[in-house]
Amino acid sequence: MRRGNLPEAPNYTNAALAMGLVNLLWIFIALWAIYGFWVVLAAGWGLNWLIRRLGDRA
């Protein structure tokens, strides 16, 4: 086995972000269909709060 001549790993950041958006959208649509707009609004606010809190730690 040759060491040191490994090809560069592909960058899947954009694909991961796109799939994260797709998953977030279908979850929000399902919540909206089952529980209504206010639950989706509260879930979005809660996610925003968690992301902001994690960002403040870093």
Protein backbone atom coordinates (compact mmCIF):
# COMPACT_ATOMS: atom_id res chain seq x y z
CA MET A 1 0.00 0.00 0.00
CA ARG A 2 1.34 3.39 -0.94
CA ARG A 3 1.14 6.07 1.68
CA GLY A 4 1.36 9.78 1.07
CA ASN A 5 -0.25 9.80 -2.39
CA LEU A 6 -3.86 9.91 -1.26
CA PRO A 7 -6.31 11.94 -3.34
CA GLU A 8 -8.01 14.90 -1.72
CA ALA A 9 -11.34 14.09 -0.10
CA PRO A 10 -14.38 15.60 -1.82
CA ASN A 11 -16.07 18.57 -0.17
CA TYR A 12 -19.67 17.67 0.65
CA THR A 13 -20.49 20.82 2.62
CA ASN A 14 -22.93 22.25 0.06
CA ALA A 15 -24.71 18.92 -0.36
CA ALA A 16 -25.06 18.52 3.41
CA LEU A 17 -26.46 22.06 3.79
CA ALA A 18 -28.93 21.52 0.93
CA MET A 19 -30.18 18.25 2.43
CA GLY A 20 -30.45 19.91 5.85
CA LEU A 21 -32.68 22.57 4.29
CA VAL A 22 -34.82 19.93 2.56
CA ASN A 23 -35.25 18.02 5.83
CA LEU A 24 -36.08 21.19 7.77
CA LEU A 25 -38.69 22.16 5.18
CA TRP A 26 -40.51 18.82 5.16
CA ILE A 27 -40.54 18.74 8.96
CA PHE A 28 -42.00 22.25 9.09
CA ILE A 29 -44.60 21.35 6.44
CA ALA A 30 -45.60 18.22 8.37
CA LEU A 31 -45.88 20.20 11.62
CA TRP A 32 -47.95 22.85 9.86
CA ALA A 33 -50.30 20.23 8.40
CA ILE A 34 -50.77 18.45 11.72
CA TYR A 35 -50.66 21.22 14.34
CA GLY A 36 -50.89 24.54 12.53
CA PHE A 37 -48.90 27.67 11.87
CA TRP A 38 -48.21 28.65 15.47
CA VAL A 39 -46.40 25.40 16.25
CA VAL A 40 -44.15 25.92 13.22
CA LEU A 41 -43.49 29.48 14.33
CA ALA A 42 -42.61 28.30 17.84
CA ALA A 43 -40.35 25.53 16.49
CA GLY A 44 -38.54 28.00 14.25
CA TRP A 45 -38.10 30.42 17.14
CA GLY A 46 -36.78 27.59 19.33
CA LEU A 47 -34.28 26.49 16.67
CA ASN A 48 -33.13 30.07 16.20
CA TRP A 49 -32.64 30.42 19.96
CA LEU A 50 -30.59 27.19 20.13
CA ILE A 51 -28.42 28.13 17.15
CA ARG A 52 -27.78 31.60 18.54
CA ARG A 53 -26.89 30.13 21.94
CA LEU A 54 -24.43 27.68 20.35
CA GLY A 55 -22.93 30.53 18.33
CA ASP A 56 -22.37 32.61 21.46
CA ARG A 57 -20.42 29.74 23.06
CA ALA A 58 -18.01 29.40 20.14
